[in-house]
PDB file of N, CA and C in Angstrom:
ATOM      1  N   MET A   1       0.821  -1.199   0.000  1.00  0.00           N
ATOM      2  CA  MET A   1       0.000   0.000   0.000  1.00  0.00           C
ATOM      3  C   MET A   1       0.861   1.258   0.000  1.00  0.00           C
ATOM      4  N   SER A   2       2.035   1.179   0.614  1.00  0.00           N
ATOM      5  CA  SER A   2       2.895   2.358   0.661  1.00  0.00           C
ATOM      6  C   SER A   2       3.340   2.763  -0.740  1.00  0.00           C
ATOM      7  N   ASP A   3       3.467   1.776  -1.650  1.00  0.00           N
ATOM      8  CA  ASP A   3       3.835   2.091  -3.020  1.00  0.00           C
ATOM      9  C   ASP A   3       2.777   2.975  -3.670  1.00  0.00           C
ATOM     10  N   VAL A   4       1.521   2.671  -3.413  1.00  0.00           N
ATOM     11  CA  VAL A   4       0.425   3.480  -3.955  1.00  0.00           C
ATOM     12  C   VAL A   4       0.486   4.889  -3.385  1.00  0.00           C
ATOM     13  N   ALA A   5       0.678   4.998  -2.089  1.00  0.00           N
ATOM     14  CA  ALA A   5       0.753   6.311  -1.454  1.00  0.00           C
ATOM     15  C   ALA A   5       1.959   7.092  -1.966  1.00  0.00           C
ATOM     16  N   ARG A   6       3.070   6.403  -2.161  1.00  0.00           N
ATOM     17  CA  ARG A   6       4.270   7.069  -2.665  1.00  0.00           C
ATOM     18  C   ARG A   6       4.052   7.566  -4.092  1.00  0.00           C
ATOM     19  N   ARG A   7       3.435   6.743  -4.911  1.00  0.00           N
ATOM     20  CA  ARG A   7       3.148   7.155  -6.290  1.00  0.00           C
ATOM     21  C   ARG A   7       2.211   8.360  -6.315  1.00  0.00           C
ATOM     22  N   LEU A   8       1.199   8.329  -5.459  1.00  0.00           N
ATOM     23  CA  LEU A   8       0.263   9.449  -5.398  1.00  0.00           C
ATOM     24  C   LEU A   8       0.977  10.725  -4.980  1.00  0.00           C
ATOM     25  N   SER A   9       1.814  10.648  -3.980  1.00  0.00           N
ATOM     26  CA  SER A   9       2.504  11.858  -3.517  1.00  0.00           C
ATOM     27  C   SER A   9       3.451  12.395  -4.586  1.00  0.00           C
ATOM     28  N   ARG A  10       4.108  11.516  -5.319  1.00  0.00           N
ATOM     29  CA  ARG A  10       4.985  11.966  -6.408  1.00  0.00           C
ATOM     30  C   ARG A  10       4.174  12.617  -7.526  1.00  0.00           C
ATOM     31  N   TRP A  11       3.039  12.027  -7.857  1.00  0.00           N
ATOM     32  CA  TRP A  11       2.193  12.607  -8.901  1.00  0.00           C
ATOM     33  C   TRP A  11       1.685  13.974  -8.463  1.00  0.00           C
ATOM     34  N   GLN A  12       1.250  14.092  -7.215  1.00  0.00           N
ATOM     35  CA  GLN A  12       0.761  15.374  -6.713  1.00  0.00           C
ATOM     36  C   GLN A  12       1.860  16.422  -6.714  1.00  0.00           C
ATOM     37  N   ALA A  13       3.098  16.013  -6.476  1.00  0.00           N
ATOM     38  CA  ALA A  13       4.208  16.962  -6.503  1.00  0.00           C
ATOM     39  C   ALA A  13       4.476  17.461  -7.922  1.00  0.00           C
ATOM     40  N   LYS A  14       4.252  16.599  -8.919  1.00  0.00           N
ATOM     41  CA  LYS A  14       4.517  16.974 -10.310  1.00  0.00           C
ATOM     42  C   LYS A  14       3.355  17.726 -10.946  1.00  0.00           C
ATOM     43  N   TYR A  15       2.151  17.350 -10.600  1.00  0.00           N
ATOM     44  CA  TYR A  15       0.972  17.875 -11.286  1.00  0.00           C
ATOM     45  C   TYR A  15       0.413  19.080 -10.551  1.00  0.00           C
ATOM     46  N   SER A  16       0.127  20.102 -11.316  1.00  0.00           N
ATOM     47  CA  SER A  16      -0.475  21.300 -10.751  1.00  0.00           C
ATOM     48  C   SER A  16      -1.628  21.723 -11.659  1.00  0.00           C
ATOM     49  N   PRO A  17      -2.831  21.853 -11.129  1.00  0.00           N
ATOM     50  CA  PRO A  17      -3.953  22.291 -11.968  1.00  0.00           C
ATOM     51  C   PRO A  17      -3.703  23.653 -12.611  1.00  0.00           C
ATOM     52  N   GLU A  18      -2.998  24.516 -11.914  1.00  0.00           N
ATOM     53  CA  GLU A  18      -2.710  25.839 -12.468  1.00  0.00           C
ATOM     54  C   GLU A  18      -1.792  25.724 -13.692  1.00  0.00           C
ATOM     55  N   MET A  19      -0.773  24.872 -13.587  1.00  0.00           N
ATOM     56  CA  MET A  19       0.138  24.690 -14.722  1.00  0.00           C
ATOM     57  C   MET A  19      -0.579  24.031 -15.897  1.00  0.00           C
ATOM     58  N   ALA A  20      -1.450  23.087 -15.604  1.00  0.00           N
ATOM     59  CA  ALA A  20      -2.213  22.434 -16.670  1.00  0.00           C
ATOM     60  C   ALA A  20      -3.116  23.443 -17.369  1.00  0.00           C
ATOM     61  N   ALA A  21      -3.729  24.330 -16.605  1.00  0.00           N
ATOM     62  CA  ALA A  21      -4.591  25.364 -17.191  1.00  0.00           C
ATOM     63  C   ALA A  21      -3.773  26.323 -18.048  1.00  0.00           C
ATOM     64  N   GLN A  22      -2.587  26.687 -17.597  1.00  0.00           N
ATOM     65  CA  GLN A  22      -1.728  27.581 -18.375  1.00  0.00           C
ATOM     66  C   GLN A  22      -1.288  26.916 -19.680  1.00  0.00           C
ATOM     67  N   THR A  23      -0.918  25.657 -19.596  1.00  0.00           N
ATOM     68  CA  THR A  23      -0.499  24.928 -20.794  1.00  0.00           C
ATOM     69  C   THR A  23      -1.646  24.826 -21.784  1.00  0.00           C
ATOM     70  N   THR A  24      -2.818  24.487 -21.296  1.00  0.00           N
ATOM     71  CA  THR A  24      -3.986  24.380 -22.168  1.00  0.00           C
ATOM     72  C   THR A  24      -4.323  25.724 -22.799  1.00  0.00           C
ATOM     73  N   ALA A  25      -4.264  26.787 -22.029  1.00  0.00           N
ATOM     74  CA  ALA A  25      -4.554  28.122 -22.562  1.00  0.00           C
ATOM     75  C   ALA A  25      -3.546  28.500 -23.643  1.00  0.00           C
ATOM     76  N   ARG A  26      -2.293  28.110 -23.447  1.00  0.00           N
ATOM     77  CA  ARG A  26      -1.241  28.464 -24.398  1.00  0.00           C
ATOM     78  C   ARG A  26      -1.433  27.745 -25.737  1.00  0.00           C
ATOM     79  N   ILE A  27      -1.885  26.505 -25.716  1.00  0.00           N
ATOM     80  CA  ILE A  27      -1.994  25.740 -26.962  1.00  0.00           C
ATOM     81  C   ILE A  27      -3.423  25.635 -27.489  1.00  0.00           C
ATOM     82  N   TYR A  28      -4.366  26.301 -26.858  1.00  0.00           N
ATOM     83  CA  TYR A  28      -5.779  26.175 -27.219  1.00  0.00           C
ATOM     84  C   TYR A  28      -6.048  26.599 -28.664  1.00  0.00           C
ATOM     85  N   ALA A  29      -5.474  27.699 -29.105  1.00  0.00           N
ATOM     86  CA  ALA A  29      -5.739  28.189 -30.464  1.00  0.00           C
ATOM     87  C   ALA A  29      -5.266  27.172 -31.503  1.00  0.00           C
ATOM     88  N   ASP A  30      -4.085  26.605 -31.293  1.00  0.00           N
ATOM     89  CA  ASP A  30      -3.561  25.606 -32.215  1.00  0.00           C
ATOM     90  C   ASP A  30      -4.415  24.339 -32.187  1.00  0.00           C
ATOM     91  N   MET A  31      -4.829  23.926 -30.992  1.00  0.00           N
ATOM     92  CA  MET A  31      -5.693  22.750 -30.863  1.00  0.00           C
ATOM     93  C   MET A  31      -7.005  22.967 -31.610  1.00  0.00           C
ATOM     94  N   SER A  32      -7.577  24.148 -31.465  1.00  0.00           N
ATOM     95  CA  SER A  32      -8.849  24.456 -32.131  1.00  0.00           C
ATOM     96  C   SER A  32      -8.691  24.454 -33.643  1.00  0.00           C
ATOM     97  N   ALA A  33      -7.593  25.004 -34.136  1.00  0.00           N
ATOM     98  CA  ALA A  33      -7.361  25.045 -35.580  1.00  0.00           C
ATOM     99  C   ALA A  33      -7.198  23.632 -36.146  1.00  0.00           C
ATOM    100  N   ARG A  34      -6.456  22.783 -35.446  1.00  0.00           N
ATOM    101  CA  ARG A  34      -6.283  21.399 -35.899  1.00  0.00           C
ATOM    102  C   ARG A  34      -7.605  20.640 -35.867  1.00  0.00           C
ATOM    103  N   TYR A  35      -8.402  20.869 -34.838  1.00  0.00           N
ATOM    104  CA  TYR A  35      -9.702  20.200 -34.733  1.00  0.00           C
ATOM    105  C   TYR A  35     -10.621  20.651 -35.869  1.00  0.00           C
ATOM    106  N   LEU A  36     -10.637  21.949 -36.148  1.00  0.00           N
ATOM    107  CA  LEU A  36     -11.469  22.473 -37.228  1.00  0.00           C
ATOM    108  C   LEU A  36     -11.062  21.860 -38.564  1.00  0.00           C
ATOM    109  N   ALA A  37      -9.763  21.807 -38.838  1.00  0.00           N
ATOM    110  CA  ALA A  37      -9.287  21.227 -40.096  1.00  0.00           C
ATOM    111  C   ALA A  37      -9.682  19.756 -40.195  1.00  0.00           C
ATOM    112  N   SER A  38      -9.577  19.052 -39.096  1.00  0.00           N
ATOM    113  CA  SER A  38      -9.953  17.634 -39.081  1.00  0.00           C
ATOM    114  C   SER A  38     -11.444  17.454 -39.339  1.00  0.00           C
ATOM    115  N   MET A  39     -12.261  18.287 -38.730  1.00  0.00           N
ATOM    116  CA  MET A  39     -13.707  18.169 -38.911  1.00  0.00           C
ATOM    117  C   MET A  39     -14.124  18.527 -40.333  1.00  0.00           C
ATOM    118  N   VAL A  40     -13.452  19.494 -40.945  1.00  0.00           N
ATOM    119  CA  VAL A  40     -13.739  19.836 -42.341  1.00  0.00           C
ATOM    120  C   VAL A  40     -13.436  18.631 -43.229  1.00  0.00           C
ATOM    121  N   ASP A  41     -12.278  18.004 -43.008  1.00  0.00           N
ATOM    122  CA  ASP A  41     -11.916  16.815 -43.785  1.00  0.00           C
ATOM    123  C   ASP A  41     -12.888  15.667 -43.537  1.00  0.00           C
ATOM    124  N   LEU A  42     -13.284  15.473 -42.280  1.00  0.00           N
ATOM    125  CA  LEU A  42     -14.209  14.395 -41.938  1.00  0.00           C
ATOM    126  C   LEU A  42     -15.568  14.601 -42.608  1.00  0.00           C
ATOM    127  N   CYS A  43     -16.082  15.819 -42.567  1.00  0.00           N
ATOM    128  CA  CYS A  43     -17.384  16.098 -43.187  1.00  0.00           C
ATOM    129  C   CYS A  43     -17.322  15.931 -44.704  1.00  0.00           C
ATOM    130  N   ALA A  44     -16.212  16.342 -45.317  1.00  0.00           N
ATOM    131  CA  ALA A  44     -16.053  16.160 -46.760  1.00  0.00           C
ATOM    132  C   ALA A  44     -16.015  14.671 -47.109  1.00  0.00           C
ATOM    133  N   MET A  45     -15.318  13.886 -46.285  1.00  0.00           N
ATOM    134  CA  MET A  45     -15.249  12.443 -46.508  1.00  0.00           C
ATOM    135  C   MET A  45     -16.629  11.810 -46.371  1.00  0.00           C
ATOM    136  N   GLU A  46     -17.389  12.224 -45.369  1.00  0.00           N
ATOM    137  CA  GLU A  46     -18.728  11.667 -45.184  1.00  0.00           C
ATOM    138  C   GLU A  46     -19.630  12.005 -46.365  1.00  0.00           C
ATOM    139  N   LEU A  47     -19.507  13.213 -46.894  1.00  0.00           N
ATOM    140  CA  LEU A  47     -20.302  13.604 -48.057  1.00  0.00           C
ATOM    141  C   LEU A  47     -19.941  12.739 -49.267  1.00  0.00           C
ATOM    142  N   GLU A  48     -18.651  12.535 -49.503  1.00  0.00           N
ATOM    143  CA  GLU A  48     -18.223  11.674 -50.614  1.00  0.00           C
ATOM    144  C   GLU A  48     -18.729  10.243 -50.424  1.00  0.00           C
ATOM    145  N   THR A  49     -18.668   9.762 -49.199  1.00  0.00           N
ATOM    146  CA  THR A  49     -19.148   8.406 -48.910  1.00  0.00           C
ATOM    147  C   THR A  49     -20.642   8.302 -49.184  1.00  0.00           C
ATOM    148  N   LYS A  50     -21.400   9.306 -48.778  1.00  0.00           N
ATOM    149  CA  LYS A  50     -22.846   9.296 -49.025  1.00  0.00           C
ATOM    150  C   LYS A  50     -23.144   9.321 -50.518  1.00  0.00           C
ATOM    151  N   GLN A  51     -22.323  10.012 -51.297  1.00  0.00           N
ATOM    152  CA  GLN A  51     -22.517  10.033 -52.743  1.00  0.00           C
ATOM    153  C   GLN A  51     -22.267   8.648 -53.347  1.00  0.00           C
ATOM    154  N   VAL A  52     -21.235   7.961 -52.854  1.00  0.00           N
ATOM    155  CA  VAL A  52     -20.968   6.593 -53.319  1.00  0.00           C
ATOM    156  C   VAL A  52     -22.138   5.685 -52.948  1.00  0.00           C
ATOM    157  N   LEU A  53     -22.638   5.833 -51.722  1.00  0.00           N
ATOM    158  CA  LEU A  53     -23.761   5.009 -51.272  1.00  0.00           C
ATOM    159  C   LEU A  53     -25.013   5.307 -52.082  1.00  0.00           C
ATOM    160  N   ASP A  54     -25.234   6.577 -52.398  1.00  0.00           N
ATOM    161  CA  ASP A  54     -26.403   6.963 -53.183  1.00  0.00           C
ATOM    162  C   ASP A  54     -26.342   6.338 -54.578  1.00  0.00           C
ATOM    163  N   SER A  55     -25.161   6.363 -55.181  1.00  0.00           N
ATOM    164  CA  SER A  55     -25.037   5.783 -56.523  1.00  0.00           C
ATOM    165  C   SER A  55     -25.097   4.256 -56.490  1.00  0.00           C
ATOM    166  N   SER A  56     -24.844   3.666 -55.324  1.00  0.00           N
ATOM    167  CA  SER A  56     -24.902   2.204 -55.192  1.00  0.00           C
ATOM    168  C   SER A  56     -26.295   1.699 -54.855  1.00  0.00           C
ATOM    169  N   GLY A  57     -27.197   2.604 -54.496  1.00  0.00           N
ATOM    170  CA  GLY A  57     -28.563   2.206 -54.179  1.00  0.00           C
ATOM    171  C   GLY A  57     -28.702   1.483 -52.856  1.00  0.00           C
ATOM    172  N   ILE A  58     -27.880   1.834 -51.892  1.00  0.00           N
ATOM    173  CA  ILE A  58     -27.920   1.196 -50.570  1.00  0.00           C
ATOM    174  C   ILE A  58     -29.167   1.650 -49.817  1.00  0.00           C
ATOM    175  N   ASP A  59     -29.820   0.716 -49.150  1.00  0.00           N
ATOM    176  CA  ASP A  59     -30.979   1.023 -48.312  1.00  0.00           C
ATOM    177  C   ASP A  59     -30.548   1.974 -47.195  1.00  0.00           C
ATOM    178  N   THR A  60     -31.378   2.956 -46.913  1.00  0.00           N
ATOM    179  CA  THR A  60     -31.028   3.968 -45.907  1.00  0.00           C
ATOM    180  C   THR A  60     -30.779   3.375 -44.527  1.00  0.00           C
ATOM    181  N   LEU A  61     -31.342   2.226 -44.254  1.00  0.00           N
ATOM    182  CA  LEU A  61     -31.132   1.569 -42.969  1.00  0.00           C
ATOM    183  C   LEU A  61     -29.660   1.229 -42.745  1.00  0.00           C
ATOM    184  N   TYR A  62     -28.930   0.954 -43.817  1.00  0.00           N
ATOM    185  CA  TYR A  62     -27.542   0.503 -43.706  1.00  0.00           C
ATOM    186  C   TYR A  62     -26.517   1.621 -43.858  1.00  0.00           C
ATOM    187  N   ILE A  63     -26.955   2.828 -44.165  1.00  0.00           N
ATOM    188  CA  ILE A  63     -26.011   3.925 -44.403  1.00  0.00           C
ATOM    189  C   ILE A  63     -25.110   4.164 -43.201  1.00  0.00           C
ATOM    190  N   VAL A  64     -25.657   4.114 -42.010  1.00  0.00           N
ATOM    191  CA  VAL A  64     -24.863   4.382 -40.815  1.00  0.00           C
ATOM    192  C   VAL A  64     -23.713   3.385 -40.675  1.00  0.00           C
ATOM    193  N   PHE A  65     -23.915   2.152 -41.068  1.00  0.00           N
ATOM    194  CA  PHE A  65     -22.863   1.145 -40.953  1.00  0.00           C
ATOM    195  C   PHE A  65     -21.752   1.386 -41.972  1.00  0.00           C
ATOM    196  N   TYR A  66     -22.142   1.787 -43.183  1.00  0.00           N
ATOM    197  CA  TYR A  66     -21.132   2.120 -44.187  1.00  0.00           C
ATOM    198  C   TYR A  66     -20.359   3.375 -43.769  1.00  0.00           C
ATOM    199  N   LEU A  67     -21.046   4.316 -43.147  1.00  0.00           N
ATOM    200  CA  LEU A  67     -20.353   5.506 -42.643  1.00  0.00           C
ATOM    201  C   LEU A  67     -19.380   5.141 -41.523  1.00  0.00           C
ATOM    202  N   ASP A  68     -19.742   4.179 -40.700  1.00  0.00           N
ATOM    203  CA  ASP A  68     -18.818   3.715 -39.659  1.00  0.00           C
ATOM    204  C   ASP A  68     -17.557   3.120 -40.282  1.00  0.00           C
ATOM    205  N   PHE A  69     -17.734   2.333 -41.331  1.00  0.00           N
ATOM    206  CA  PHE A  69     -16.578   1.790 -42.050  1.00  0.00           C
ATOM    207  C   PHE A  69     -15.707   2.924 -42.579  1.00  0.00           C
ATOM    208  N   ALA A  70     -16.339   3.917 -43.191  1.00  0.00           N
ATOM    209  CA  ALA A  70     -15.590   5.040 -43.758  1.00  0.00           C
ATOM    210  C   ALA A  70     -14.876   5.838 -42.667  1.00  0.00           C
ATOM    211  N   ARG A  71     -15.521   6.030 -41.530  1.00  0.00           N
ATOM    212  CA  ARG A  71     -14.879   6.764 -40.426  1.00  0.00           C
ATOM    213  C   ARG A  71     -13.673   6.002 -39.889  1.00  0.00           C
ATOM    214  N   GLN A  72     -13.779   4.687 -39.811  1.00  0.00           N
ATOM    215  CA  GLN A  72     -12.638   3.897 -39.351  1.00  0.00           C
ATOM    216  C   GLN A  72     -11.483   3.980 -40.346  1.00  0.00           C
ATOM    217  N   LEU A  73     -11.806   3.965 -41.619  1.00  0.00           N
ATOM    218  CA  LEU A  73     -10.776   4.104 -42.642  1.00  0.00           C
ATOM    219  C   LEU A  73     -10.182   5.511 -42.622  1.00  0.00           C
ATOM    220  N   PHE A  74     -11.014   6.501 -42.358  1.00  0.00           N
ATOM    221  CA  PHE A  74     -10.537   7.884 -42.232  1.00  0.00           C
ATOM    222  C   PHE A  74      -9.555   7.997 -41.074  1.00  0.00           C
ATOM    223  N   LYS A  75      -9.910   7.419 -39.955  1.00  0.00           N
ATOM    224  CA  LYS A  75      -9.033   7.465 -38.778  1.00  0.00           C
ATOM    225  C   LYS A  75      -7.704   6.786 -39.067  1.00  0.00           C
ATOM    226  N   LEU A  76      -7.757   5.710 -39.820  1.00  0.00           N
ATOM    227  CA  LEU A  76      -6.551   4.973 -40.160  1.00  0.00           C
ATOM    228  C   LEU A  76      -5.659   5.764 -41.117  1.00  0.00           C
ATOM    229  N   SER A  77      -6.258   6.479 -42.043  1.00  0.00           N
ATOM    230  CA  SER A  77      -5.486   7.123 -43.108  1.00  0.00           C
ATOM    231  C   SER A  77      -5.202   8.601 -42.870  1.00  0.00           C
ATOM    232  N   HIS A  78      -5.945   9.237 -42.004  1.00  0.00           N
ATOM    233  CA  HIS A  78      -5.841  10.689 -41.851  1.00  0.00           C
ATOM    234  C   HIS A  78      -4.839  11.064 -40.763  1.00  0.00           C
ATOM    235  N   GLY A  79      -3.897  11.916 -41.123  1.00  0.00           N
ATOM    236  CA  GLY A  79      -2.971  12.452 -40.137  1.00  0.00           C
ATOM    237  C   GLY A  79      -1.927  11.485 -39.644  1.00  0.00           C
ATOM    238  N   ARG A  80      -1.769  10.382 -40.336  1.00  0.00           N
ATOM    239  CA  ARG A  80      -0.755   9.408 -39.933  1.00  0.00           C
ATOM    240  C   ARG A  80       0.179   9.161 -41.105  1.00  0.00           C
ATOM    241  N   THR A  81       1.386   8.832 -40.777  1.00  0.00           N
ATOM    242  CA  THR A  81       2.324   8.458 -41.825  1.00  0.00           C
ATOM    243  C   THR A  81       2.402   6.940 -41.862  1.00  0.00           C
ATOM    244  N   ILE A  82       1.600   6.374 -42.720  1.00  0.00           N
ATOM    245  CA  ILE A  82       1.540   4.924 -42.877  1.00  0.00           C
ATOM    246  C   ILE A  82       1.799   4.641 -44.355  1.00  0.00           C
ATOM    247  N   SER A  83       2.615   3.658 -44.634  1.00  0.00           N
ATOM    248  CA  SER A  83       2.974   3.378 -46.023  1.00  0.00           C
ATOM    249  C   SER A  83       1.747   2.895 -46.801  1.00  0.00           C
ATOM    250  N   ASP A  84       1.780   3.116 -48.102  1.00  0.00           N
ATOM    251  CA  ASP A  84       0.646   2.734 -48.947  1.00  0.00           C
ATOM    252  C   ASP A  84       0.342   1.235 -48.905  1.00  0.00           C
ATOM    253  N   PRO A  85       1.352   0.357 -48.978  1.00  0.00           N
ATOM    254  CA  PRO A  85       1.031  -1.080 -48.894  1.00  0.00           C
ATOM    255  C   PRO A  85       0.408  -1.469 -47.549  1.00  0.00           C
ATOM    256  N   THR A  86       0.902  -0.866 -46.478  1.00  0.00           N
ATOM    257  CA  THR A  86       0.341  -1.165 -45.158  1.00  0.00           C
ATOM    258  C   THR A  86      -1.080  -0.644 -45.055  1.00  0.00           C
ATOM    259  N   LEU A  87      -1.315   0.557 -45.566  1.00  0.00           N
ATOM    260  CA  LEU A  87      -2.663   1.125 -45.556  1.00  0.00           C
ATOM    261  C   LEU A  87      -3.616   0.244 -46.354  1.00  0.00           C
ATOM    262  N   ALA A  88      -3.158  -0.248 -47.491  1.00  0.00           N
ATOM    263  CA  ALA A  88      -4.006  -1.120 -48.314  1.00  0.00           C
ATOM    264  C   ALA A  88      -4.367  -2.401 -47.560  1.00  0.00           C
ATOM    265  N   LYS A  89      -3.401  -2.964 -46.843  1.00  0.00           N
ATOM    266  CA  LYS A  89      -3.673  -4.183 -46.069  1.00  0.00           C
ATOM    267  C   LYS A  89      -4.629  -3.907 -44.918  1.00  0.00           C
ATOM    268  N   GLU A  90      -4.408  -2.815 -44.220  1.00  0.00           N
ATOM    269  CA  GLU A  90      -5.293  -2.463 -43.105  1.00  0.00           C
ATOM    270  C   GLU A  90      -6.704  -2.162 -43.602  1.00  0.00           C
ATOM    271  N   ALA A  91      -6.806  -1.496 -44.752  1.00  0.00           N
ATOM    272  CA  ALA A  91      -8.121  -1.219 -45.334  1.00  0.00           C
ATOM    273  C   ALA A  91      -8.821  -2.515 -45.721  1.00  0.00           C
ATOM    274  N   GLN A  92      -8.055  -3.487 -46.199  1.00  0.00           N
ATOM    275  CA  GLN A  92      -8.640  -4.782 -46.549  1.00  0.00           C
ATOM    276  C   GLN A  92      -9.158  -5.500 -45.308  1.00  0.00           C
ATOM    277  N   VAL A  93      -8.421  -5.401 -44.210  1.00  0.00           N
ATOM    278  CA  VAL A  93      -8.872  -6.007 -42.950  1.00  0.00           C
ATOM    279  C   VAL A  93     -10.190  -5.373 -42.515  1.00  0.00           C
ATOM    280  N   LEU A  94     -10.273  -4.032 -42.602  1.00  0.00           N
ATOM    281  CA  LEU A  94     -11.527  -3.347 -42.259  1.00  0.00           C
ATOM    282  C   LEU A  94     -12.658  -3.791 -43.177  1.00  0.00           C
ATOM    283  N   LEU A  95     -12.367  -3.894 -44.468  1.00  0.00           N
ATOM    284  CA  LEU A  95     -13.389  -4.315 -45.424  1.00  0.00           C
ATOM    285  C   LEU A  95     -13.914  -5.703 -45.067  1.00  0.00           C
ATOM    286  N   GLU A  96     -13.016  -6.614 -44.753  1.00  0.00           N
ATOM    287  CA  GLU A  96     -13.446  -7.973 -44.412  1.00  0.00           C
ATOM    288  C   GLU A  96     -14.239  -8.000 -43.108  1.00  0.00           C
ATOM    289  N   LYS A  97     -13.848  -7.160 -42.166  1.00  0.00           N
ATOM    290  CA  LYS A  97     -14.595  -7.091 -40.899  1.00  0.00           C
ATOM    291  C   LYS A  97     -16.033  -6.656 -41.157  1.00  0.00           C
ATOM    292  N   TRP A  98     -16.214  -5.599 -41.953  1.00  0.00           N
ATOM    293  CA  TRP A  98     -17.561  -5.098 -42.211  1.00  0.00           C
ATOM    294  C   TRP A  98     -18.329  -6.009 -43.161  1.00  0.00           C
ATOM    295  N   GLN A  99     -17.623  -6.722 -44.022  1.00  0.00           N
ATOM    296  CA  GLN A  99     -18.293  -7.709 -44.872  1.00  0.00           C
ATOM    297  C   GLN A  99     -18.880  -8.817 -44.010  1.00  0.00           C
ATOM    298  N   ARG A 100     -18.138  -9.252 -43.007  1.00  0.00           N
ATOM    299  CA  ARG A 100     -18.634 -10.300 -42.114  1.00  0.00           C
ATOM    300  C   ARG A 100     -19.799  -9.808 -41.267  1.00  0.00           C
ATOM    301  N   ARG A 101     -19.922  -8.516 -41.138  1.00  0.00           N
ATOM    302  CA  ARG A 101     -21.064  -7.943 -40.417  1.00  0.00           C
ATOM    303  C   ARG A 101     -22.271  -7.765 -41.328  1.00  0.00           C
ATOM    304  N   GLY A 102     -22.131  -8.151 -42.586  1.00  0.00           N
ATOM    305  CA  GLY A 102     -23.278  -8.171 -43.480  1.00  0.00           C
ATOM    306  C   GLY A 102     -23.321  -7.088 -44.537  1.00  0.00           C
ATOM    307  N   LEU A 103     -22.274  -6.284 -44.662  1.00  0.00           N
ATOM    308  CA  LEU A 103     -22.281  -5.232 -45.676  1.00  0.00           C
ATOM    309  C   LEU A 103     -21.753  -5.770 -47.001  1.00  0.00           C
ATOM    310  N   ASP A 104     -22.160  -5.105 -48.077  1.00  0.00           N
ATOM    311  CA  ASP A 104     -21.789  -5.514 -49.430  1.00  0.00           C
ATOM    312  C   ASP A 104     -20.308  -5.197 -49.685  1.00  0.00           C
ATOM    313  N   PRO A 105     -19.490  -6.214 -49.991  1.00  0.00           N
ATOM    314  CA  PRO A 105     -18.059  -5.963 -50.200  1.00  0.00           C
ATOM    315  C   PRO A 105     -17.761  -5.082 -51.408  1.00  0.00           C
ATOM    316  N   ASN A 106     -18.632  -5.104 -52.413  1.00  0.00           N
ATOM    317  CA  ASN A 106     -18.422  -4.249 -53.586  1.00  0.00           C
ATOM    318  C   ASN A 106     -18.593  -2.776 -53.235  1.00  0.00           C
ATOM    319  N   VAL A 107     -19.563  -2.483 -52.389  1.00  0.00           N
ATOM    320  CA  VAL A 107     -19.781  -1.095 -51.961  1.00  0.00           C
ATOM    321  C   VAL A 107     -18.644  -0.655 -51.044  1.00  0.00           C
ATOM    322  N   LEU A 108     -18.217  -1.540 -50.155  1.00  0.00           N
ATOM    323  CA  LEU A 108     -17.091  -1.223 -49.271  1.00  0.00           C
ATOM    324  C   LEU A 108     -15.833  -0.943 -50.094  1.00  0.00           C
ATOM    325  N   ALA A 109     -15.598  -1.749 -51.114  1.00  0.00           N
ATOM    326  CA  ALA A 109     -14.436  -1.546 -51.978  1.00  0.00           C
ATOM    327  C   ALA A 109     -14.551  -0.233 -52.744  1.00  0.00           C
ATOM    328  N   ALA A 110     -15.773   0.121 -53.150  1.00  0.00           N
ATOM    329  CA  ALA A 110     -15.975   1.395 -53.841  1.00  0.00           C
ATOM    330  C   ALA A 110     -15.655   2.566 -52.921  1.00  0.00           C
ATOM    331  N   ILE A 111     -16.073   2.483 -51.671  1.00  0.00           N
ATOM    332  CA  ILE A 111     -15.752   3.540 -50.703  1.00  0.00           C
ATOM    333  C   ILE A 111     -14.240   3.614 -50.512  1.00  0.00           C
ATOM    334  N   ARG A 112     -13.625   2.460 -50.342  1.00  0.00           N
ATOM    335  CA  ARG A 112     -12.173   2.414 -50.124  1.00  0.00           C
ATOM    336  C   ARG A 112     -11.424   3.079 -51.277  1.00  0.00           C
ATOM    337  N   PHE A 113     -11.840   2.796 -52.514  1.00  0.00           N
ATOM    338  CA  PHE A 113     -11.105   3.315 -53.665  1.00  0.00           C
ATOM    339  C   PHE A 113     -11.541   4.722 -54.063  1.00  0.00           C
ATOM    340  N   GLU A 114     -12.849   4.960 -54.167  1.00  0.00           N
ATOM    341  CA  GLU A 114     -13.336   6.243 -54.671  1.00  0.00           C
ATOM    342  C   GLU A 114     -13.177   7.382 -53.670  1.00  0.00           C
ATOM    343  N   VAL A 115     -13.337   7.088 -52.396  1.00  0.00           N
ATOM    344  CA  VAL A 115     -13.246   8.142 -51.379  1.00  0.00           C
ATOM    345  C   VAL A 115     -11.816   8.298 -50.875  1.00  0.00           C
ATOM    346  N   PHE A 116     -11.130   7.178 -50.650  1.00  0.00           N
ATOM    347  CA  PHE A 116      -9.807   7.224 -50.028  1.00  0.00           C
ATOM    348  C   PHE A 116      -8.663   6.937 -50.995  1.00  0.00           C
ATOM    349  N   SER A 117      -8.976   6.553 -52.228  1.00  0.00           N
ATOM    350  CA  SER A 117      -7.957   6.228 -53.239  1.00  0.00           C
ATOM    351  C   SER A 117      -6.999   5.144 -52.760  1.00  0.00           C
ATOM    352  N   VAL A 118      -7.542   4.171 -52.051  1.00  0.00           N
ATOM    353  CA  VAL A 118      -6.736   3.048 -51.561  1.00  0.00           C
ATOM    354  C   VAL A 118      -7.081   1.834 -52.415  1.00  0.00           C
ATOM    355  N   PRO A 119      -6.104   1.321 -53.174  1.00  0.00           N
ATOM    356  CA  PRO A 119      -6.387   0.142 -53.996  1.00  0.00           C
ATOM    357  C   PRO A 119      -6.409  -1.125 -53.155  1.00  0.00           C
ATOM    358  N   ALA A 120      -6.894  -2.184 -53.748  1.00  0.00           N
ATOM    359  CA  ALA A 120      -6.872  -3.489 -53.072  1.00  0.00           C
ATOM    360  C   ALA A 120      -5.419  -3.936 -52.939  1.00  0.00           C
ATOM    361  N   PRO A 121      -5.090  -4.627 -51.858  1.00  0.00           N
ATOM    362  CA  PRO A 121      -3.688  -5.071 -51.682  1.00  0.00           C
ATOM    363  C   PRO A 121      -3.301  -6.155 -52.677  1.00  0.00           C
TER     364      PRO A 121
END
């Protein structure tokens, strides 16, 4: 138990709510700008995905699931430095996961290629 108490006392010595508030205030503008840029990209991706779904004739009941696939692919590909072959493999894993959940693999592949420009591995 003394280890827990010792760890707590060390953490309390290092952490200060005032310093955390100052740090957050200092970087808030940059954080907000990055968040805004990310949300603009995310909304544009969702719009492109909806256009692919519209042209594929997907029932509206399933749109949310295809959007979930697209959001996961967006998270994987956006703001990260991942090689193209690795991205293609990871996108294929996502496609297979959502295919097993009952989504059409042709539509998933269309989203992968038309929205994200990721070819099949």
